[in-house]
Amino acid sequence: MLCRSHCGACCTAPSISSPIPGMPNGKAAGEPCIKLLQDMSCAIFGSPSRPKVCADFMAETAICGDTREDAIMILDILENDTK
């Protein structure tokens, strides 16, 4: 599965504990990443400064569902289940 354009759910829903350029302490769940652009794309996609957890994320139906709303809901559930 390719990433859905104008989604950005994986840049918003989960917490990221590793440093992100401009966010040295990572980000909290539900907080949009500082690198998430208005079109919901990543400003550092493909950059070596992108956190490993982000670079390793692969879009798949089980995580992303059929819509951005599905992805937010699924990622929220996973975030809560792994606290």
PDB file of N, CA and C in Angstrom:
ATOM      1  N   MET A   1       0.851  -1.180   0.000  1.00  0.00           N
ATOM      2  CA  MET A   1       0.000   0.000   0.000  1.00  0.00           C
ATOM      3  C   MET A   1       0.891   1.236   0.000  1.00  0.00           C
ATOM      4  N   LEU A   2       0.555   2.214  -0.809  1.00  0.00           N
ATOM      5  CA  LEU A   2       1.250   3.494  -0.791  1.00  0.00           C
ATOM      6  C   LEU A   2       0.581   4.417   0.220  1.00  0.00           C
ATOM      7  N   CYS A   3       1.346   5.343   0.766  1.00  0.00           N
ATOM      8  CA  CYS A   3       0.753   6.317   1.679  1.00  0.00           C
ATOM      9  C   CYS A   3      -0.358   7.073   0.962  1.00  0.00           C
ATOM     10  N   ARG A   4      -1.427   7.328   1.685  1.00  0.00           N
ATOM     11  CA  ARG A   4      -2.571   8.080   1.169  1.00  0.00           C
ATOM     12  C   ARG A   4      -2.197   9.562   1.161  1.00  0.00           C
ATOM     13  N   SER A   5      -2.386  10.222   0.051  1.00  0.00           N
ATOM     14  CA  SER A   5      -2.075  11.653   0.016  1.00  0.00           C
ATOM     15  C   SER A   5      -3.050  12.422   0.903  1.00  0.00           C
ATOM     16  N   HIS A   6      -2.580  13.517   1.437  1.00  0.00           N
ATOM     17  CA  HIS A   6      -3.377  14.389   2.307  1.00  0.00           C
ATOM     18  C   HIS A   6      -3.880  13.662   3.561  1.00  0.00           C
ATOM     19  N   CYS A   7      -3.062  12.769   4.107  1.00  0.00           N
ATOM     20  CA  CYS A   7      -3.461  12.009   5.297  1.00  0.00           C
ATOM     21  C   CYS A   7      -2.724  12.510   6.537  1.00  0.00           C
ATOM     22  N   GLY A   8      -1.456  12.162   6.676  1.00  0.00           N
ATOM     23  CA  GLY A   8      -0.663  12.601   7.821  1.00  0.00           C
ATOM     24  C   GLY A   8      -1.064  12.000   9.149  1.00  0.00           C
ATOM     25  N   ALA A   9      -1.892  10.947   9.140  1.00  0.00           N
ATOM     26  CA  ALA A   9      -2.319  10.339  10.401  1.00  0.00           C
ATOM     27  C   ALA A   9      -1.129   9.827  11.208  1.00  0.00           C
ATOM     28  N   CYS A  10      -0.134   9.233  10.524  1.00  0.00           N
ATOM     29  CA  CYS A  10       1.027   8.693  11.225  1.00  0.00           C
ATOM     30  C   CYS A  10       1.934   9.804  11.747  1.00  0.00           C
ATOM     31  N   CYS A  11       1.721  11.029  11.296  1.00  0.00           N
ATOM     32  CA  CYS A  11       2.484  12.189  11.768  1.00  0.00           C
ATOM     33  C   CYS A  11       1.745  12.917  12.890  1.00  0.00           C
ATOM     34  N   THR A  12       0.566  12.417  13.232  1.00  0.00           N
ATOM     35  CA  THR A  12      -0.260  13.073  14.240  1.00  0.00           C
ATOM     36  C   THR A  12      -0.640  12.135  15.384  1.00  0.00           C
ATOM     37  N   ALA A  13      -1.227  11.001  15.070  1.00  0.00           N
ATOM     38  CA  ALA A  13      -1.818  10.141  16.099  1.00  0.00           C
ATOM     39  C   ALA A  13      -0.816   9.536  17.079  1.00  0.00           C
ATOM     40  N   PRO A  14       0.265   8.900  16.617  1.00  0.00           N
ATOM     41  CA  PRO A  14       1.141   8.236  17.585  1.00  0.00           C
ATOM     42  C   PRO A  14       2.123   9.189  18.262  1.00  0.00           C
ATOM     43  N   SER A  15       2.551   8.786  19.454  1.00  0.00           N
ATOM     44  CA  SER A  15       3.649   9.505  20.096  1.00  0.00           C
ATOM     45  C   SER A  15       4.948   9.061  19.419  1.00  0.00           C
ATOM     46  N   ILE A  16       5.911   9.945  19.399  1.00  0.00           N
ATOM     47  CA  ILE A  16       7.241   9.629  18.869  1.00  0.00           C
ATOM     48  C   ILE A  16       8.234  10.074  19.929  1.00  0.00           C
ATOM     49  N   SER A  17       8.968   9.115  20.486  1.00  0.00           N
ATOM     50  CA  SER A  17       9.875   9.437  21.594  1.00  0.00           C
ATOM     51  C   SER A  17      11.261   9.865  21.119  1.00  0.00           C
ATOM     52  N   SER A  18      11.592   9.598  19.883  1.00  0.00           N
ATOM     53  CA  SER A  18      12.908   9.986  19.385  1.00  0.00           C
ATOM     54  C   SER A  18      12.894  11.439  18.914  1.00  0.00           C
ATOM     55  N   PRO A  19      14.063  12.077  18.902  1.00  0.00           N
ATOM     56  CA  PRO A  19      14.123  13.478  18.466  1.00  0.00           C
ATOM     57  C   PRO A  19      13.692  13.643  17.007  1.00  0.00           C
ATOM     58  N   ILE A  20      13.018  14.742  16.768  1.00  0.00           N
ATOM     59  CA  ILE A  20      12.596  15.165  15.437  1.00  0.00           C
ATOM     60  C   ILE A  20      13.219  16.550  15.262  1.00  0.00           C
ATOM     61  N   PRO A  21      13.754  16.886  14.099  1.00  0.00           N
ATOM     62  CA  PRO A  21      14.288  18.245  13.931  1.00  0.00           C
ATOM     63  C   PRO A  21      13.238  19.294  14.326  1.00  0.00           C
ATOM     64  N   GLY A  22      13.591  20.116  15.280  1.00  0.00           N
ATOM     65  CA  GLY A  22      12.664  21.123  15.795  1.00  0.00           C
ATOM     66  C   GLY A  22      11.828  20.641  16.966  1.00  0.00           C
ATOM     67  N   MET A  23      11.889  19.348  17.261  1.00  0.00           N
ATOM     68  CA  MET A  23      11.175  18.742  18.393  1.00  0.00           C
ATOM     69  C   MET A  23      12.145  17.770  19.078  1.00  0.00           C
ATOM     70  N   PRO A  24      13.119  18.293  19.831  1.00  0.00           N
ATOM     71  CA  PRO A  24      14.178  17.442  20.382  1.00  0.00           C
ATOM     72  C   PRO A  24      13.689  16.363  21.340  1.00  0.00           C
ATOM     73  N   ASN A  25      12.500  16.532  21.902  1.00  0.00           N
ATOM     74  CA  ASN A  25      11.949  15.543  22.824  1.00  0.00           C
ATOM     75  C   ASN A  25      10.889  14.673  22.165  1.00  0.00           C
ATOM     76  N   GLY A  26      10.816  14.702  20.843  1.00  0.00           N
ATOM     77  CA  GLY A  26       9.780  13.946  20.148  1.00  0.00           C
ATOM     78  C   GLY A  26       8.450  14.666  20.242  1.00  0.00           C
ATOM     79  N   LYS A  27       7.363  13.896  20.176  1.00  0.00           N
ATOM     80  CA  LYS A  27       6.034  14.509  20.231  1.00  0.00           C
ATOM     81  C   LYS A  27       5.055  13.599  20.943  1.00  0.00           C
ATOM     82  N   ALA A  28       4.051  14.200  21.510  1.00  0.00           N
ATOM     83  CA  ALA A  28       3.001  13.460  22.202  1.00  0.00           C
ATOM     84  C   ALA A  28       1.978  12.923  21.207  1.00  0.00           C
ATOM     85  N   ALA A  29       1.279  11.877  21.599  1.00  0.00           N
ATOM     86  CA  ALA A  29       0.192  11.336  20.782  1.00  0.00           C
ATOM     87  C   ALA A  29      -0.851  12.427  20.548  1.00  0.00           C
ATOM     88  N   GLY A  30      -1.320  12.529  19.327  1.00  0.00           N
ATOM     89  CA  GLY A  30      -2.330  13.528  18.981  1.00  0.00           C
ATOM     90  C   GLY A  30      -1.768  14.880  18.602  1.00  0.00           C
ATOM     91  N   GLU A  31      -0.495  15.078  18.839  1.00  0.00           N
ATOM     92  CA  GLU A  31       0.166  16.346  18.499  1.00  0.00           C
ATOM     93  C   GLU A  31       0.748  16.227  17.091  1.00  0.00           C
ATOM     94  N   PRO A  32       0.388  17.119  16.185  1.00  0.00           N
ATOM     95  CA  PRO A  32       0.984  17.039  14.850  1.00  0.00           C
ATOM     96  C   PRO A  32       2.486  17.306  14.911  1.00  0.00           C
ATOM     97  N   CYS A  33       3.231  16.559  14.137  1.00  0.00           N
ATOM     98  CA  CYS A  33       4.666  16.783  14.030  1.00  0.00           C
ATOM     99  C   CYS A  33       4.909  18.165  13.428  1.00  0.00           C
ATOM    100  N   ILE A  34       5.945  18.825  13.890  1.00  0.00           N
ATOM    101  CA  ILE A  34       6.302  20.148  13.379  1.00  0.00           C
ATOM    102  C   ILE A  34       6.665  20.096  11.888  1.00  0.00           C
ATOM    103  N   LYS A  35       7.023  18.910  11.388  1.00  0.00           N
ATOM    104  CA  LYS A  35       7.410  18.743   9.979  1.00  0.00           C
ATOM    105  C   LYS A  35       6.235  18.368   9.077  1.00  0.00           C
ATOM    106  N   LEU A  36       5.027  18.278   9.652  1.00  0.00           N
ATOM    107  CA  LEU A  36       3.831  17.989   8.864  1.00  0.00           C
ATOM    108  C   LEU A  36       3.381  19.267   8.171  1.00  0.00           C
ATOM    109  N   LEU A  37       3.374  19.228   6.851  1.00  0.00           N
ATOM    110  CA  LEU A  37       3.010  20.404   6.058  1.00  0.00           C
ATOM    111  C   LEU A  37       1.494  20.539   5.927  1.00  0.00           C
ATOM    112  N   GLN A  38       1.038  21.684   5.441  1.00  0.00           N
ATOM    113  CA  GLN A  38      -0.406  21.919   5.320  1.00  0.00           C
ATOM    114  C   GLN A  38      -1.087  20.918   4.401  1.00  0.00           C
ATOM    115  N   ASP A  39      -0.367  20.390   3.427  1.00  0.00           N
ATOM    116  CA  ASP A  39      -0.967  19.393   2.530  1.00  0.00           C
ATOM    117  C   ASP A  39      -0.872  17.980   3.116  1.00  0.00           C
ATOM    118  N   MET A  40      -0.481  17.901   4.390  1.00  0.00           N
ATOM    119  CA  MET A  40      -0.352  16.658   5.153  1.00  0.00           C
ATOM    120  C   MET A  40       0.785  15.771   4.657  1.00  0.00           C
ATOM    121  N   SER A  41       1.767  16.352   4.001  1.00  0.00           N
ATOM    122  CA  SER A  41       2.967  15.611   3.631  1.00  0.00           C
ATOM    123  C   SER A  41       4.078  15.963   4.618  1.00  0.00           C
ATOM    124  N   CYS A  42       5.149  15.191   4.588  1.00  0.00           N
ATOM    125  CA  CYS A  42       6.259  15.368   5.515  1.00  0.00           C
ATOM    126  C   CYS A  42       7.361  16.209   4.873  1.00  0.00           C
ATOM    127  N   ALA A  43       7.753  17.265   5.547  1.00  0.00           N
ATOM    128  CA  ALA A  43       8.793  18.158   5.029  1.00  0.00           C
ATOM    129  C   ALA A  43      10.169  17.487   5.003  1.00  0.00           C
ATOM    130  N   ILE A  44      10.358  16.415   5.776  1.00  0.00           N
ATOM    131  CA  ILE A  44      11.672  15.762   5.815  1.00  0.00           C
ATOM    132  C   ILE A  44      11.597  14.319   5.306  1.00  0.00           C
ATOM    133  N   PHE A  45      10.548  13.990   4.564  1.00  0.00           N
ATOM    134  CA  PHE A  45      10.428  12.650   3.983  1.00  0.00           C
ATOM    135  C   PHE A  45      11.662  12.365   3.130  1.00  0.00           C
ATOM    136  N   GLY A  46      12.299  11.230   3.372  1.00  0.00           N
ATOM    137  CA  GLY A  46      13.485  10.853   2.621  1.00  0.00           C
ATOM    138  C   GLY A  46      14.777  11.466   3.133  1.00  0.00           C
ATOM    139  N   SER A  47      14.703  12.361   4.107  1.00  0.00           N
ATOM    140  CA  SER A  47      15.887  13.007   4.660  1.00  0.00           C
ATOM    141  C   SER A  47      16.516  12.118   5.735  1.00  0.00           C
ATOM    142  N   PRO A  48      17.853  12.126   5.856  1.00  0.00           N
ATOM    143  CA  PRO A  48      18.501  11.372   6.931  1.00  0.00           C
ATOM    144  C   PRO A  48      18.147  11.900   8.324  1.00  0.00           C
ATOM    145  N   SER A  49      17.613  13.115   8.410  1.00  0.00           N
ATOM    146  CA  SER A  49      17.232  13.662   9.718  1.00  0.00           C
ATOM    147  C   SER A  49      15.860  13.161  10.183  1.00  0.00           C
ATOM    148  N   ARG A  50      15.167  12.466   9.309  1.00  0.00           N
ATOM    149  CA  ARG A  50      13.853  11.906   9.673  1.00  0.00           C
ATOM    150  C   ARG A  50      14.064  10.794  10.698  1.00  0.00           C
ATOM    151  N   PRO A  51      13.264  10.767  11.775  1.00  0.00           N
ATOM    152  CA  PRO A  51      13.440   9.723  12.790  1.00  0.00           C
ATOM    153  C   PRO A  51      13.310   8.319  12.186  1.00  0.00           C
ATOM    154  N   LYS A  52      14.091   7.390  12.708  1.00  0.00           N
ATOM    155  CA  LYS A  52      14.076   6.012  12.214  1.00  0.00           C
ATOM    156  C   LYS A  52      12.672   5.419  12.285  1.00  0.00           C
ATOM    157  N   VAL A  53      11.952   5.682  13.353  1.00  0.00           N
ATOM    158  CA  VAL A  53      10.601   5.131  13.496  1.00  0.00           C
ATOM    159  C   VAL A  53       9.706   5.594  12.347  1.00  0.00           C
ATOM    160  N   CYS A  54       9.898   6.813  11.896  1.00  0.00           N
ATOM    161  CA  CYS A  54       9.111   7.336  10.774  1.00  0.00           C
ATOM    162  C   CYS A  54       9.563   6.699   9.463  1.00  0.00           C
ATOM    163  N   ALA A  55      10.872   6.620   9.277  1.00  0.00           N
ATOM    164  CA  ALA A  55      11.408   6.039   8.047  1.00  0.00           C
ATOM    165  C   ALA A  55      11.031   4.567   7.924  1.00  0.00           C
ATOM    166  N   ASP A  56      10.929   3.864   9.051  1.00  0.00           N
ATOM    167  CA  ASP A  56      10.608   2.437   9.039  1.00  0.00           C
ATOM    168  C   ASP A  56       9.108   2.168   8.888  1.00  0.00           C
ATOM    169  N   PHE A  57       8.273   3.166   9.112  1.00  0.00           N
ATOM    170  CA  PHE A  57       6.821   2.965   9.017  1.00  0.00           C
ATOM    171  C   PHE A  57       6.427   2.660   7.582  1.00  0.00           C
ATOM    172  N   MET A  58       5.654   1.611   7.408  1.00  0.00           N
ATOM    173  CA  MET A  58       5.157   1.236   6.091  1.00  0.00           C
ATOM    174  C   MET A  58       3.627   1.263   6.134  1.00  0.00           C
ATOM    175  N   ALA A  59       3.041   1.998   5.224  1.00  0.00           N
ATOM    176  CA  ALA A  59       1.580   2.048   5.148  1.00  0.00           C
ATOM    177  C   ALA A  59       1.036   0.669   4.816  1.00  0.00           C
ATOM    178  N   GLU A  60      -0.005   0.272   5.536  1.00  0.00           N
ATOM    179  CA  GLU A  60      -0.693  -0.974   5.245  1.00  0.00           C
ATOM    180  C   GLU A  60      -2.140  -0.845   5.699  1.00  0.00           C
ATOM    181  N   THR A  61      -3.014  -1.561   5.051  1.00  0.00           N
ATOM    182  CA  THR A  61      -4.449  -1.433   5.304  1.00  0.00           C
ATOM    183  C   THR A  61      -4.798  -1.683   6.772  1.00  0.00           C
ATOM    184  N   ALA A  62      -4.118  -2.630   7.419  1.00  0.00           N
ATOM    185  CA  ALA A  62      -4.429  -2.946   8.821  1.00  0.00           C
ATOM    186  C   ALA A  62      -4.181  -1.754   9.743  1.00  0.00           C
ATOM    187  N   ILE A  63      -3.274  -0.876   9.375  1.00  0.00           N
ATOM    188  CA  ILE A  63      -2.949   0.307  10.188  1.00  0.00           C
ATOM    189  C   ILE A  63      -3.648   1.549   9.648  1.00  0.00           C
ATOM    190  N   CYS A  64      -3.717   1.670   8.340  1.00  0.00           N
ATOM    191  CA  CYS A  64      -4.206   2.896   7.714  1.00  0.00           C
ATOM    192  C   CYS A  64      -5.698   2.867   7.371  1.00  0.00           C
ATOM    193  N   GLY A  65      -6.292   1.692   7.381  1.00  0.00           N
ATOM    194  CA  GLY A  65      -7.706   1.593   7.040  1.00  0.00           C
ATOM    195  C   GLY A  65      -7.974   2.097   5.630  1.00  0.00           C
ATOM    196  N   ASP A  66      -9.186   2.579   5.423  1.00  0.00           N
ATOM    197  CA  ASP A  66      -9.601   3.048   4.094  1.00  0.00           C
ATOM    198  C   ASP A  66      -9.632   4.567   3.973  1.00  0.00           C
ATOM    199  N   THR A  67      -9.525   5.263   5.110  1.00  0.00           N
ATOM    200  CA  THR A  67      -9.591   6.726   5.107  1.00  0.00           C
ATOM    201  C   THR A  67      -8.639   7.274   6.157  1.00  0.00           C
ATOM    202  N   ARG A  68      -8.401   8.575   6.126  1.00  0.00           N
ATOM    203  CA  ARG A  68      -7.582   9.228   7.153  1.00  0.00           C
ATOM    204  C   ARG A  68      -8.220   9.032   8.526  1.00  0.00           C
ATOM    205  N   GLU A  69      -9.539   9.144   8.577  1.00  0.00           N
ATOM    206  CA  GLU A  69     -10.255   8.974   9.845  1.00  0.00           C
ATOM    207  C   GLU A  69     -10.045   7.574  10.406  1.00  0.00           C
ATOM    208  N   ASP A  70     -10.100   6.555   9.521  1.00  0.00           N
ATOM    209  CA  ASP A  70      -9.811   5.181   9.955  1.00  0.00           C
ATOM    210  C   ASP A  70      -8.406   5.102  10.543  1.00  0.00           C
ATOM    211  N   ALA A  71      -7.433   5.687   9.844  1.00  0.00           N
ATOM    212  CA  ALA A  71      -6.042   5.631  10.291  1.00  0.00           C
ATOM    213  C   ALA A  71      -5.877   6.283  11.657  1.00  0.00           C
ATOM    214  N   ILE A  72      -6.476   7.451  11.851  1.00  0.00           N
ATOM    215  CA  ILE A  72      -6.400   8.132  13.157  1.00  0.00           C
ATOM    216  C   ILE A  72      -6.979   7.232  14.245  1.00  0.00           C
ATOM    217  N   MET A  73      -8.140   6.640  13.985  1.00  0.00           N
ATOM    218  CA  MET A  73      -8.795   5.780  14.974  1.00  0.00           C
ATOM    219  C   MET A  73      -7.930   4.554  15.286  1.00  0.00           C
ATOM    220  N   ILE A  74      -7.420   3.881  14.265  1.00  0.00           N
ATOM    221  CA  ILE A  74      -6.601   2.683  14.469  1.00  0.00           C
ATOM    222  C   ILE A  74      -5.310   3.030  15.203  1.00  0.00           C
ATOM    223  N   LEU A  75      -4.650   4.093  14.800  1.00  0.00           N
ATOM    224  CA  LEU A  75      -3.406   4.500  15.464  1.00  0.00           C
ATOM    225  C   LEU A  75      -3.664   4.938  16.904  1.00  0.00           C
ATOM    226  N   ASP A  76      -4.790   5.585  17.170  1.00  0.00           N
ATOM    227  CA  ASP A  76      -5.149   5.943  18.553  1.00  0.00           C
ATOM    228  C   ASP A  76      -5.332   4.694  19.407  1.00  0.00           C
ATOM    229  N   ILE A  77      -6.008   3.697  18.861  1.00  0.00           N
ATOM    230  CA  ILE A  77      -6.210   2.439  19.595  1.00  0.00           C
ATOM    231  C   ILE A  77      -4.865   1.780  19.881  1.00  0.00           C
ATOM    232  N   LEU A  78      -4.007   1.703  18.883  1.00  0.00           N
ATOM    233  CA  LEU A  78      -2.676   1.097  19.072  1.00  0.00           C
ATOM    234  C   LEU A  78      -1.858   1.888  20.091  1.00  0.00           C
ATOM    235  N   GLU A  79      -1.930   3.201  20.025  1.00  0.00           N
ATOM    236  CA  GLU A  79      -1.209   4.051  20.984  1.00  0.00           C
ATOM    237  C   GLU A  79      -1.682   3.746  22.410  1.00  0.00           C
ATOM    238  N   ASN A  80      -2.995   3.688  22.611  1.00  0.00           N
ATOM    239  CA  ASN A  80      -3.537   3.423  23.943  1.00  0.00           C
ATOM    240  C   ASN A  80      -3.219   2.002  24.409  1.00  0.00           C
ATOM    241  N   ASP A  81      -3.260   1.040  23.496  1.00  0.00           N
ATOM    242  CA  ASP A  81      -2.980  -0.354  23.858  1.00  0.00           C
ATOM    243  C   ASP A  81      -1.522  -0.592  24.223  1.00  0.00           C
ATOM    244  N   THR A  82      -0.627   0.277  23.785  1.00  0.00           N
ATOM    245  CA  THR A  82       0.803   0.075  24.052  1.00  0.00           C
ATOM    246  C   THR A  82       1.364   1.021  25.106  1.00  0.00           C
ATOM    247  N   LYS A  83       0.504   1.721  25.822  1.00  0.00           N
ATOM    248  CA  LYS A  83       0.974   2.612  26.891  1.00  0.00           C
ATOM    249  C   LYS A  83       1.514   1.820  28.049  1.00  0.00           C
TER     250      LYS A  83
END
